[in-house]
Amino acid sequence: MSLEELTEEMQESYTEFDDELTVSLDRETRNELALLEAALEPDETDELVRRAIHMLFQSTVETGKLDFQLRSGYDVTYDEYLSGMTFEEMTGADQYPTMDDERRYQF
């Protein structure tokens, strides 16, 4: 897969999300959410879910897990996604023809 495919899939997913997202919760998650809501007293429970997504995203980026998953699935990193260019495109490495080792030193 490639940077273009990642961008397309991300745009498709983004458009599929409505302003509201229904999520089913298991017993443990409901318990943890109730405790967080009681302790942090947000205006809405939705705010806690938004914060949780931001925290998961940030920790996934900081630990390198996002880059690992992107490299495995799309052969790009998060930085390459943000710039819209692969490392090879940024450095110009994809502009040169590959060297033919058998003919490299022939005149």
PDB file of N, CA and C in Angstrom:
ATOM      1  N   MET A   1       0.834  -1.166   0.000  1.00  0.00           N
ATOM      2  CA  MET A   1       0.000   0.000   0.000  1.00  0.00           C
ATOM      3  C   MET A   1       0.891   1.246   0.000  1.00  0.00           C
ATOM      4  N   SER A   2       0.277   2.393  -0.136  1.00  0.00           N
ATOM      5  CA  SER A   2       1.071   3.605  -0.311  1.00  0.00           C
ATOM      6  C   SER A   2       0.454   4.777   0.438  1.00  0.00           C
ATOM      7  N   LEU A   3       1.142   5.898   0.352  1.00  0.00           N
ATOM      8  CA  LEU A   3       0.674   7.131   0.975  1.00  0.00           C
ATOM      9  C   LEU A   3      -0.681   7.547   0.402  1.00  0.00           C
ATOM     10  N   GLU A   4      -0.848   7.386  -0.892  1.00  0.00           N
ATOM     11  CA  GLU A   4      -2.123   7.751  -1.520  1.00  0.00           C
ATOM     12  C   GLU A   4      -3.257   6.873  -1.000  1.00  0.00           C
ATOM     13  N   GLU A   5      -2.992   5.586  -0.839  1.00  0.00           N
ATOM     14  CA  GLU A   5      -4.017   4.670  -0.337  1.00  0.00           C
ATOM     15  C   GLU A   5      -4.376   4.983   1.114  1.00  0.00           C
ATOM     16  N   LEU A   6      -3.377   5.324   1.914  1.00  0.00           N
ATOM     17  CA  LEU A   6      -3.638   5.710   3.301  1.00  0.00           C
ATOM     18  C   LEU A   6      -4.518   6.961   3.337  1.00  0.00           C
ATOM     19  N   THR A   7      -4.188   7.950   2.519  1.00  0.00           N
ATOM     20  CA  THR A   7      -4.955   9.188   2.481  1.00  0.00           C
ATOM     21  C   THR A   7      -6.400   8.918   2.058  1.00  0.00           C
ATOM     22  N   GLU A   8      -6.588   8.069   1.058  1.00  0.00           N
ATOM     23  CA  GLU A   8      -7.939   7.726   0.602  1.00  0.00           C
ATOM     24  C   GLU A   8      -8.733   7.024   1.704  1.00  0.00           C
ATOM     25  N   GLU A   9      -8.114   6.033   2.362  1.00  0.00           N
ATOM     26  CA  GLU A   9      -8.810   5.302   3.421  1.00  0.00           C
ATOM     27  C   GLU A   9      -9.152   6.210   4.594  1.00  0.00           C
ATOM     28  N   MET A  10      -8.241   7.111   4.926  1.00  0.00           N
ATOM     29  CA  MET A  10      -8.510   8.034   6.018  1.00  0.00           C
ATOM     30  C   MET A  10      -9.663   8.967   5.675  1.00  0.00           C
ATOM     31  N   GLN A  11      -9.697   9.473   4.471  1.00  0.00           N
ATOM     32  CA  GLN A  11     -10.784  10.357   4.052  1.00  0.00           C
ATOM     33  C   GLN A  11     -12.122   9.616   4.033  1.00  0.00           C
ATOM     34  N   GLU A  12     -12.121   8.359   3.595  1.00  0.00           N
ATOM     35  CA  GLU A  12     -13.342   7.559   3.606  1.00  0.00           C
ATOM     36  C   GLU A  12     -13.851   7.361   5.026  1.00  0.00           C
ATOM     37  N   SER A  13     -12.941   7.006   5.942  1.00  0.00           N
ATOM     38  CA  SER A  13     -13.329   6.809   7.337  1.00  0.00           C
ATOM     39  C   SER A  13     -13.855   8.105   7.936  1.00  0.00           C
ATOM     40  N   TYR A  14     -13.191   9.198   7.644  1.00  0.00           N
ATOM     41  CA  TYR A  14     -13.588  10.492   8.191  1.00  0.00           C
ATOM     42  C   TYR A  14     -15.005  10.860   7.757  1.00  0.00           C
ATOM     43  N   THR A  15     -15.310  10.636   6.488  1.00  0.00           N
ATOM     44  CA  THR A  15     -16.646  10.989   6.001  1.00  0.00           C
ATOM     45  C   THR A  15     -17.722  10.055   6.539  1.00  0.00           C
ATOM     46  N   GLU A  16     -17.346   8.826   6.913  1.00  0.00           N
ATOM     47  CA  GLU A  16     -18.313   7.886   7.479  1.00  0.00           C
ATOM     48  C   GLU A  16     -18.702   8.246   8.913  1.00  0.00           C
ATOM     49  N   PHE A  17     -17.825   8.957   9.624  1.00  0.00           N
ATOM     50  CA  PHE A  17     -18.143   9.366  10.990  1.00  0.00           C
ATOM     51  C   PHE A  17     -19.155  10.501  10.950  1.00  0.00           C
ATOM     52  N   ASP A  18     -20.203  10.357  11.712  1.00  0.00           N
ATOM     53  CA  ASP A  18     -21.147  11.457  11.882  1.00  0.00           C
ATOM     54  C   ASP A  18     -20.653  12.300  13.045  1.00  0.00           C
ATOM     55  N   ASP A  19     -21.382  13.358  13.356  1.00  0.00           N
ATOM     56  CA  ASP A  19     -21.028  14.154  14.526  1.00  0.00           C
ATOM     57  C   ASP A  19     -21.192  13.332  15.799  1.00  0.00           C
ATOM     58  N   GLU A  20     -22.050  12.333  15.741  1.00  0.00           N
ATOM     59  CA  GLU A  20     -22.255  11.460  16.893  1.00  0.00           C
ATOM     60  C   GLU A  20     -21.874  10.045  16.501  1.00  0.00           C
ATOM     61  N   LEU A  21     -21.252   9.346  17.424  1.00  0.00           N
ATOM     62  CA  LEU A  21     -20.785   7.994  17.186  1.00  0.00           C
ATOM     63  C   LEU A  21     -21.316   7.102  18.301  1.00  0.00           C
ATOM     64  N   THR A  22     -22.039   6.073  17.963  1.00  0.00           N
ATOM     65  CA  THR A  22     -22.569   5.157  18.962  1.00  0.00           C
ATOM     66  C   THR A  22     -21.518   4.096  19.269  1.00  0.00           C
ATOM     67  N   VAL A  23     -21.221   3.937  20.536  1.00  0.00           N
ATOM     68  CA  VAL A  23     -20.212   2.977  20.962  1.00  0.00           C
ATOM     69  C   VAL A  23     -20.820   2.088  22.033  1.00  0.00           C
ATOM     70  N   SER A  24     -20.649   0.781  21.865  1.00  0.00           N
ATOM     71  CA  SER A  24     -21.123  -0.117  22.917  1.00  0.00           C
ATOM     72  C   SER A  24     -20.005  -0.282  23.950  1.00  0.00           C
ATOM     73  N   LEU A  25     -20.388  -0.333  25.215  1.00  0.00           N
ATOM     74  CA  LEU A  25     -19.425  -0.417  26.304  1.00  0.00           C
ATOM     75  C   LEU A  25     -19.617  -1.724  27.074  1.00  0.00           C
ATOM     76  N   ASP A  26     -18.516  -2.337  27.431  1.00  0.00           N
ATOM     77  CA  ASP A  26     -18.615  -3.503  28.296  1.00  0.00           C
ATOM     78  C   ASP A  26     -18.688  -3.035  29.748  1.00  0.00           C
ATOM     79  N   ARG A  27     -18.857  -3.960  30.664  1.00  0.00           N
ATOM     80  CA  ARG A  27     -19.053  -3.624  32.070  1.00  0.00           C
ATOM     81  C   ARG A  27     -17.860  -2.874  32.657  1.00  0.00           C
ATOM     82  N   GLU A  28     -16.669  -3.336  32.351  1.00  0.00           N
ATOM     83  CA  GLU A  28     -15.453  -2.701  32.874  1.00  0.00           C
ATOM     84  C   GLU A  28     -15.317  -1.268  32.363  1.00  0.00           C
ATOM     85  N   THR A  29     -15.567  -1.064  31.083  1.00  0.00           N
ATOM     86  CA  THR A  29     -15.459   0.269  30.500  1.00  0.00           C
ATOM     87  C   THR A  29     -16.511   1.208  31.085  1.00  0.00           C
ATOM     88  N   ARG A  30     -17.732   0.719  31.264  1.00  0.00           N
ATOM     89  CA  ARG A  30     -18.779   1.546  31.876  1.00  0.00           C
ATOM     90  C   ARG A  30     -18.383   1.952  33.288  1.00  0.00           C
ATOM     91  N   ASN A  31     -17.803   1.006  34.048  1.00  0.00           N
ATOM     92  CA  ASN A  31     -17.375   1.287  35.414  1.00  0.00           C
ATOM     93  C   ASN A  31     -16.275   2.358  35.426  1.00  0.00           C
ATOM     94  N   GLU A  32     -15.290   2.207  34.560  1.00  0.00           N
ATOM     95  CA  GLU A  32     -14.191   3.173  34.494  1.00  0.00           C
ATOM     96  C   GLU A  32     -14.687   4.545  34.040  1.00  0.00           C
ATOM     97  N   LEU A  33     -15.589   4.564  33.078  1.00  0.00           N
ATOM     98  CA  LEU A  33     -16.147   5.819  32.601  1.00  0.00           C
ATOM     99  C   LEU A  33     -16.952   6.509  33.693  1.00  0.00           C
ATOM    100  N   ALA A  34     -17.718   5.743  34.447  1.00  0.00           N
ATOM    101  CA  ALA A  34     -18.513   6.315  35.545  1.00  0.00           C
ATOM    102  C   ALA A  34     -17.607   6.919  36.610  1.00  0.00           C
ATOM    103  N   LEU A  35     -16.512   6.232  36.924  1.00  0.00           N
ATOM    104  CA  LEU A  35     -15.576   6.747  37.921  1.00  0.00           C
ATOM    105  C   LEU A  35     -14.900   8.023  37.426  1.00  0.00           C
ATOM    106  N   LEU A  36     -14.474   8.030  36.169  1.00  0.00           N
ATOM    107  CA  LEU A  36     -13.857   9.231  35.597  1.00  0.00           C
ATOM    108  C   LEU A  36     -14.834  10.396  35.567  1.00  0.00           C
ATOM    109  N   GLU A  37     -16.073  10.107  35.233  1.00  0.00           N
ATOM    110  CA  GLU A  37     -17.081  11.163  35.186  1.00  0.00           C
ATOM    111  C   GLU A  37     -17.331  11.741  36.582  1.00  0.00           C
ATOM    112  N   ALA A  38     -17.381  10.877  37.577  1.00  0.00           N
ATOM    113  CA  ALA A  38     -17.599  11.353  38.942  1.00  0.00           C
ATOM    114  C   ALA A  38     -16.406  12.173  39.438  1.00  0.00           C
ATOM    115  N   ALA A  39     -15.201  11.724  39.106  1.00  0.00           N
ATOM    116  CA  ALA A  39     -13.996  12.395  39.595  1.00  0.00           C
ATOM    117  C   ALA A  39     -13.692  13.683  38.839  1.00  0.00           C
ATOM    118  N   LEU A  40     -13.826  13.666  37.526  1.00  0.00           N
ATOM    119  CA  LEU A  40     -13.421  14.815  36.706  1.00  0.00           C
ATOM    120  C   LEU A  40     -14.548  15.797  36.436  1.00  0.00           C
ATOM    121  N   GLU A  41     -15.770  15.380  36.630  1.00  0.00           N
ATOM    122  CA  GLU A  41     -16.951  16.219  36.460  1.00  0.00           C
ATOM    123  C   GLU A  41     -16.953  17.012  35.147  1.00  0.00           C
ATOM    124  N   PRO A  42     -16.905  16.321  34.026  1.00  0.00           N
ATOM    125  CA  PRO A  42     -16.959  17.044  32.744  1.00  0.00           C
ATOM    126  C   PRO A  42     -18.371  17.561  32.491  1.00  0.00           C
ATOM    127  N   ASP A  43     -18.499  18.509  31.555  1.00  0.00           N
ATOM    128  CA  ASP A  43     -19.821  19.019  31.189  1.00  0.00           C
ATOM    129  C   ASP A  43     -20.679  17.899  30.602  1.00  0.00           C
ATOM    130  N   GLU A  44     -20.050  17.055  29.791  1.00  0.00           N
ATOM    131  CA  GLU A  44     -20.732  15.929  29.166  1.00  0.00           C
ATOM    132  C   GLU A  44     -19.804  14.720  29.184  1.00  0.00           C
ATOM    133  N   THR A  45     -20.387  13.542  29.166  1.00  0.00           N
ATOM    134  CA  THR A  45     -19.588  12.313  29.093  1.00  0.00           C
ATOM    135  C   THR A  45     -18.804  12.271  27.790  1.00  0.00           C
ATOM    136  N   ASP A  46     -19.362  12.849  26.744  1.00  0.00           N
ATOM    137  CA  ASP A  46     -18.676  12.880  25.447  1.00  0.00           C
ATOM    138  C   ASP A  46     -17.284  13.495  25.551  1.00  0.00           C
ATOM    139  N   GLU A  47     -17.139  14.471  26.433  1.00  0.00           N
ATOM    140  CA  GLU A  47     -15.844  15.136  26.611  1.00  0.00           C
ATOM    141  C   GLU A  47     -14.784  14.144  27.077  1.00  0.00           C
ATOM    142  N   LEU A  48     -15.137  13.233  27.956  1.00  0.00           N
ATOM    143  CA  LEU A  48     -14.193  12.219  28.422  1.00  0.00           C
ATOM    144  C   LEU A  48     -13.777  11.297  27.287  1.00  0.00           C
ATOM    145  N   VAL A  49     -14.719  10.936  26.441  1.00  0.00           N
ATOM    146  CA  VAL A  49     -14.403  10.067  25.301  1.00  0.00           C
ATOM    147  C   VAL A  49     -13.481  10.789  24.333  1.00  0.00           C
ATOM    148  N   ARG A  50     -13.741  12.058  24.072  1.00  0.00           N
ATOM    149  CA  ARG A  50     -12.859  12.835  23.194  1.00  0.00           C
ATOM    150  C   ARG A  50     -11.447  12.910  23.785  1.00  0.00           C
ATOM    151  N   ARG A  51     -11.356  13.176  25.069  1.00  0.00           N
ATOM    152  CA  ARG A  51     -10.035  13.220  25.726  1.00  0.00           C
ATOM    153  C   ARG A  51      -9.323  11.881  25.622  1.00  0.00           C
ATOM    154  N   ALA A  52     -10.069  10.807  25.810  1.00  0.00           N
ATOM    155  CA  ALA A  52      -9.473   9.466  25.738  1.00  0.00           C
ATOM    156  C   ALA A  52      -8.910   9.191  24.346  1.00  0.00           C
ATOM    157  N   ILE A  53      -9.631   9.596  23.317  1.00  0.00           N
ATOM    158  CA  ILE A  53      -9.142   9.395  21.954  1.00  0.00           C
ATOM    159  C   ILE A  53      -7.875  10.217  21.729  1.00  0.00           C
ATOM    160  N   HIS A  54      -7.859  11.462  22.197  1.00  0.00           N
ATOM    161  CA  HIS A  54      -6.659  12.302  22.059  1.00  0.00           C
ATOM    162  C   HIS A  54      -5.469  11.678  22.783  1.00  0.00           C
ATOM    163  N   MET A  55      -5.706  11.178  23.991  1.00  0.00           N
ATOM    164  CA  MET A  55      -4.611  10.569  24.762  1.00  0.00           C
ATOM    165  C   MET A  55      -4.096   9.300  24.095  1.00  0.00           C
ATOM    166  N   LEU A  56      -4.998   8.466  23.597  1.00  0.00           N
ATOM    167  CA  LEU A  56      -4.580   7.244  22.901  1.00  0.00           C
ATOM    168  C   LEU A  56      -3.786   7.594  21.659  1.00  0.00           C
ATOM    169  N   PHE A  57      -4.262   8.568  20.900  1.00  0.00           N
ATOM    170  CA  PHE A  57      -3.546   8.977  19.692  1.00  0.00           C
ATOM    171  C   PHE A  57      -2.156   9.487  20.043  1.00  0.00           C
ATOM    172  N   GLN A  58      -2.060  10.362  21.037  1.00  0.00           N
ATOM    173  CA  GLN A  58      -0.776  10.940  21.416  1.00  0.00           C
ATOM    174  C   GLN A  58       0.202   9.865  21.893  1.00  0.00           C
ATOM    175  N   SER A  59      -0.258   8.956  22.734  1.00  0.00           N
ATOM    176  CA  SER A  59       0.647   7.919  23.231  1.00  0.00           C
ATOM    177  C   SER A  59       1.058   6.957  22.120  1.00  0.00           C
ATOM    178  N   THR A  60       0.152   6.711  21.174  1.00  0.00           N
ATOM    179  CA  THR A  60       0.485   5.832  20.053  1.00  0.00           C
ATOM    180  C   THR A  60       1.540   6.476  19.157  1.00  0.00           C
ATOM    181  N   VAL A  61       1.445   7.774  18.965  1.00  0.00           N
ATOM    182  CA  VAL A  61       2.455   8.498  18.172  1.00  0.00           C
ATOM    183  C   VAL A  61       3.781   8.520  18.921  1.00  0.00           C
ATOM    184  N   GLU A  62       3.754   8.883  20.213  1.00  0.00           N
ATOM    185  CA  GLU A  62       4.987   9.048  20.993  1.00  0.00           C
ATOM    186  C   GLU A  62       5.750   7.744  21.186  1.00  0.00           C
ATOM    187  N   THR A  63       5.054   6.627  21.285  1.00  0.00           N
ATOM    188  CA  THR A  63       5.731   5.343  21.485  1.00  0.00           C
ATOM    189  C   THR A  63       6.206   4.714  20.183  1.00  0.00           C
ATOM    190  N   GLY A  64       5.813   5.277  19.059  1.00  0.00           N
ATOM    191  CA  GLY A  64       6.223   4.729  17.766  1.00  0.00           C
ATOM    192  C   GLY A  64       5.295   3.644  17.245  1.00  0.00           C
ATOM    193  N   LYS A  65       4.251   3.328  17.992  1.00  0.00           N
ATOM    194  CA  LYS A  65       3.330   2.282  17.550  1.00  0.00           C
ATOM    195  C   LYS A  65       2.587   2.685  16.280  1.00  0.00           C
ATOM    196  N   LEU A  66       2.245   3.960  16.149  1.00  0.00           N
ATOM    197  CA  LEU A  66       1.547   4.409  14.946  1.00  0.00           C
ATOM    198  C   LEU A  66       2.446   4.263  13.727  1.00  0.00           C
ATOM    199  N   ASP A  67       3.703   4.689  13.851  1.00  0.00           N
ATOM    200  CA  ASP A  67       4.634   4.535  12.732  1.00  0.00           C
ATOM    201  C   ASP A  67       4.800   3.066  12.358  1.00  0.00           C
ATOM    202  N   PHE A  68       4.888   2.190  13.369  1.00  0.00           N
ATOM    203  CA  PHE A  68       5.037   0.760  13.107  1.00  0.00           C
ATOM    204  C   PHE A  68       3.838   0.237  12.313  1.00  0.00           C
ATOM    205  N   GLN A  69       2.635   0.587  12.753  1.00  0.00           N
ATOM    206  CA  GLN A  69       1.434   0.113  12.072  1.00  0.00           C
ATOM    207  C   GLN A  69       1.324   0.699  10.657  1.00  0.00           C
ATOM    208  N   LEU A  70       1.633   1.986  10.519  1.00  0.00           N
ATOM    209  CA  LEU A  70       1.574   2.606   9.198  1.00  0.00           C
ATOM    210  C   LEU A  70       2.623   2.018   8.261  1.00  0.00           C
ATOM    211  N   ARG A  71       3.817   1.783   8.776  1.00  0.00           N
ATOM    212  CA  ARG A  71       4.886   1.209   7.949  1.00  0.00           C
ATOM    213  C   ARG A  71       4.503  -0.210   7.529  1.00  0.00           C
ATOM    214  N   SER A  72       3.909  -0.968   8.451  1.00  0.00           N
ATOM    215  CA  SER A  72       3.510  -2.343   8.139  1.00  0.00           C
ATOM    216  C   SER A  72       2.391  -2.381   7.103  1.00  0.00           C
ATOM    217  N   GLY A  73       1.413  -1.498   7.244  1.00  0.00           N
ATOM    218  CA  GLY A  73       0.254  -1.548   6.366  1.00  0.00           C
ATOM    219  C   GLY A  73       0.353  -0.721   5.104  1.00  0.00           C
ATOM    220  N   TYR A  74       1.071   0.410   5.175  1.00  0.00           N
ATOM    221  CA  TYR A  74       1.077   1.347   4.047  1.00  0.00           C
ATOM    222  C   TYR A  74       2.475   1.724   3.570  1.00  0.00           C
ATOM    223  N   ASP A  75       3.495   1.258   4.254  1.00  0.00           N
ATOM    224  CA  ASP A  75       4.890   1.570   3.932  1.00  0.00           C
ATOM    225  C   ASP A  75       5.167   3.072   3.992  1.00  0.00           C
ATOM    226  N   VAL A  76       4.548   3.755   4.971  1.00  0.00           N
ATOM    227  CA  VAL A  76       4.813   5.169   5.231  1.00  0.00           C
ATOM    228  C   VAL A  76       4.856   5.383   6.746  1.00  0.00           C
ATOM    229  N   THR A  77       5.362   6.536   7.168  1.00  0.00           N
ATOM    230  CA  THR A  77       5.345   6.903   8.577  1.00  0.00           C
ATOM    231  C   THR A  77       4.345   8.038   8.768  1.00  0.00           C
ATOM    232  N   TYR A  78       4.083   8.374  10.015  1.00  0.00           N
ATOM    233  CA  TYR A  78       3.162   9.468  10.319  1.00  0.00           C
ATOM    234  C   TYR A  78       3.707  10.793   9.781  1.00  0.00           C
ATOM    235  N   ASP A  79       5.017  11.012   9.907  1.00  0.00           N
ATOM    236  CA  ASP A  79       5.626  12.234   9.369  1.00  0.00           C
ATOM    237  C   ASP A  79       5.446  12.313   7.848  1.00  0.00           C
ATOM    238  N   GLU A  80       5.593  11.178   7.180  1.00  0.00           N
ATOM    239  CA  GLU A  80       5.396  11.170   5.731  1.00  0.00           C
ATOM    240  C   GLU A  80       3.938  11.480   5.391  1.00  0.00           C
ATOM    241  N   TYR A  81       3.016  10.940   6.185  1.00  0.00           N
ATOM    242  CA  TYR A  81       1.598  11.238   5.969  1.00  0.00           C
ATOM    243  C   TYR A  81       1.336  12.727   6.144  1.00  0.00           C
ATOM    244  N   LEU A  82       1.887  13.318   7.218  1.00  0.00           N
ATOM    245  CA  LEU A  82       1.666  14.736   7.474  1.00  0.00           C
ATOM    246  C   LEU A  82       2.229  15.621   6.369  1.00  0.00           C
ATOM    247  N   SER A  83       3.384  15.254   5.842  1.00  0.00           N
ATOM    248  CA  SER A  83       4.011  16.069   4.797  1.00  0.00           C
ATOM    249  C   SER A  83       3.414  15.795   3.425  1.00  0.00           C
ATOM    250  N   GLY A  84       2.762  14.651   3.285  1.00  0.00           N
ATOM    251  CA  GLY A  84       2.197  14.296   1.982  1.00  0.00           C
ATOM    252  C   GLY A  84       3.229  13.762   1.009  1.00  0.00           C
ATOM    253  N   MET A  85       4.419  13.455   1.532  1.00  0.00           N
ATOM    254  CA  MET A  85       5.502  12.954   0.692  1.00  0.00           C
ATOM    255  C   MET A  85       6.213  11.827   1.424  1.00  0.00           C
ATOM    256  N   THR A  86       6.675  10.834   0.688  1.00  0.00           N
ATOM    257  CA  THR A  86       7.482   9.786   1.297  1.00  0.00           C
ATOM    258  C   THR A  86       8.897  10.324   1.519  1.00  0.00           C
ATOM    259  N   PHE A  87       9.679   9.628   2.323  1.00  0.00           N
ATOM    260  CA  PHE A  87      11.054  10.040   2.592  1.00  0.00           C
ATOM    261  C   PHE A  87      11.852  10.102   1.291  1.00  0.00           C
ATOM    262  N   GLU A  88      11.631   9.122   0.420  1.00  0.00           N
ATOM    263  CA  GLU A  88      12.350   9.098  -0.856  1.00  0.00           C
ATOM    264  C   GLU A  88      11.996  10.325  -1.700  1.00  0.00           C
ATOM    265  N   GLU A  89      10.736  10.724  -1.683  1.00  0.00           N
ATOM    266  CA  GLU A  89      10.335  11.920  -2.427  1.00  0.00           C
ATOM    267  C   GLU A  89      10.937  13.174  -1.817  1.00  0.00           C
ATOM    268  N   MET A  90      11.006  13.230  -0.472  1.00  0.00           N
ATOM    269  CA  MET A  90      11.572  14.408   0.196  1.00  0.00           C
ATOM    270  C   MET A  90      13.048  14.578  -0.112  1.00  0.00           C
ATOM    271  N   THR A  91      13.785  13.474  -0.151  1.00  0.00           N
ATOM    272  CA  THR A  91      15.234  13.545  -0.334  1.00  0.00           C
ATOM    273  C   THR A  91      15.652  13.485  -1.792  1.00  0.00           C
ATOM    274  N   GLY A  92      14.705  13.197  -2.674  1.00  0.00           N
ATOM    275  CA  GLY A  92      15.042  13.096  -4.092  1.00  0.00           C
ATOM    276  C   GLY A  92      15.632  11.766  -4.473  1.00  0.00           C
ATOM    277  N   ALA A  93      15.623  10.790  -3.555  1.00  0.00           N
ATOM    278  CA  ALA A  93      16.213   9.484  -3.836  1.00  0.00           C
ATOM    279  C   ALA A  93      15.471   8.725  -4.919  1.00  0.00           C
ATOM    280  N   ASP A  94      14.207   9.058  -5.135  1.00  0.00           N
ATOM    281  CA  ASP A  94      13.437   8.358  -6.163  1.00  0.00           C
ATOM    282  C   ASP A  94      13.613   8.975  -7.551  1.00  0.00           C
ATOM    283  N   GLN A  95      14.462   9.992  -7.666  1.00  0.00           N
ATOM    284  CA  GLN A  95      14.660  10.666  -8.949  1.00  0.00           C
ATOM    285  C   GLN A  95      15.782  10.038  -9.779  1.00  0.00           C
ATOM    286  N   TYR A  96      16.615   9.248  -9.154  1.00  0.00           N
ATOM    287  CA  TYR A  96      17.763   8.683  -9.845  1.00  0.00           C
ATOM    288  C   TYR A  96      17.485   7.253 -10.247  1.00  0.00           C
ATOM    289  N   PRO A  97      17.968   6.841 -11.407  1.00  0.00           N
ATOM    290  CA  PRO A  97      17.766   5.444 -11.815  1.00  0.00           C
ATOM    291  C   PRO A  97      18.580   4.517 -10.920  1.00  0.00           C
ATOM    292  N   THR A  98      18.129   3.296 -10.815  1.00  0.00           N
ATOM    293  CA  THR A  98      18.861   2.324 -10.000  1.00  0.00           C
ATOM    294  C   THR A  98      20.162   1.969 -10.705  1.00  0.00           C
ATOM    295  N   MET A  99      21.168   1.680  -9.920  1.00  0.00           N
ATOM    296  CA  MET A  99      22.487   1.347 -10.466  1.00  0.00           C
ATOM    297  C   MET A  99      22.509  -0.116 -10.878  1.00  0.00           C
ATOM    298  N   ASP A 100      23.082  -0.376 -12.011  1.00  0.00           N
ATOM    299  CA  ASP A 100      23.273  -1.738 -12.497  1.00  0.00           C
ATOM    300  C   ASP A 100      24.664  -2.168 -12.042  1.00  0.00           C
ATOM    301  N   ASP A 101      24.745  -3.001 -11.003  1.00  0.00           N
ATOM    302  CA  ASP A 101      26.039  -3.372 -10.430  1.00  0.00           C
ATOM    303  C   ASP A 101      26.942  -4.105 -11.418  1.00  0.00           C
ATOM    304  N   GLU A 102      26.377  -4.822 -12.357  1.00  0.00           N
ATOM    305  CA  GLU A 102      27.204  -5.549 -13.319  1.00  0.00           C
ATOM    306  C   GLU A 102      27.888  -4.601 -14.292  1.00  0.00           C
ATOM    307  N   ARG A 103      27.259  -3.476 -14.576  1.00  0.00           N
ATOM    308  CA  ARG A 103      27.817  -2.552 -15.556  1.00  0.00           C
ATOM    309  C   ARG A 103      28.365  -1.283 -14.927  1.00  0.00           C
ATOM    310  N   ARG A 104      28.389  -1.214 -13.616  1.00  0.00           N
ATOM    311  CA  ARG A 104      28.757   0.022 -12.933  1.00  0.00           C
ATOM    312  C   ARG A 104      30.133   0.538 -13.324  1.00  0.00           C
ATOM    313  N   TYR A 105      31.130  -0.354 -13.425  1.00  0.00           N
ATOM    314  CA  TYR A 105      32.515   0.079 -13.655  1.00  0.00           C
ATOM    315  C   TYR A 105      32.968  -0.125 -15.106  1.00  0.00           C
ATOM    316  N   GLN A 106      32.040  -0.386 -15.996  1.00  0.00           N
ATOM    317  CA  GLN A 106      32.425  -0.522 -17.387  1.00  0.00           C
ATOM    318  C   GLN A 106      32.403   0.830 -18.062  1.00  0.00           C
ATOM    319  N   PHE A 107      33.378   1.032 -18.963  1.00  0.00           N
ATOM    320  CA  PHE A 107      33.434   2.288 -19.705  1.00  0.00           C
ATOM    321  C   PHE A 107      33.002   2.082 -21.123  1.00  0.00           C
TER     322      PHE A 107
END
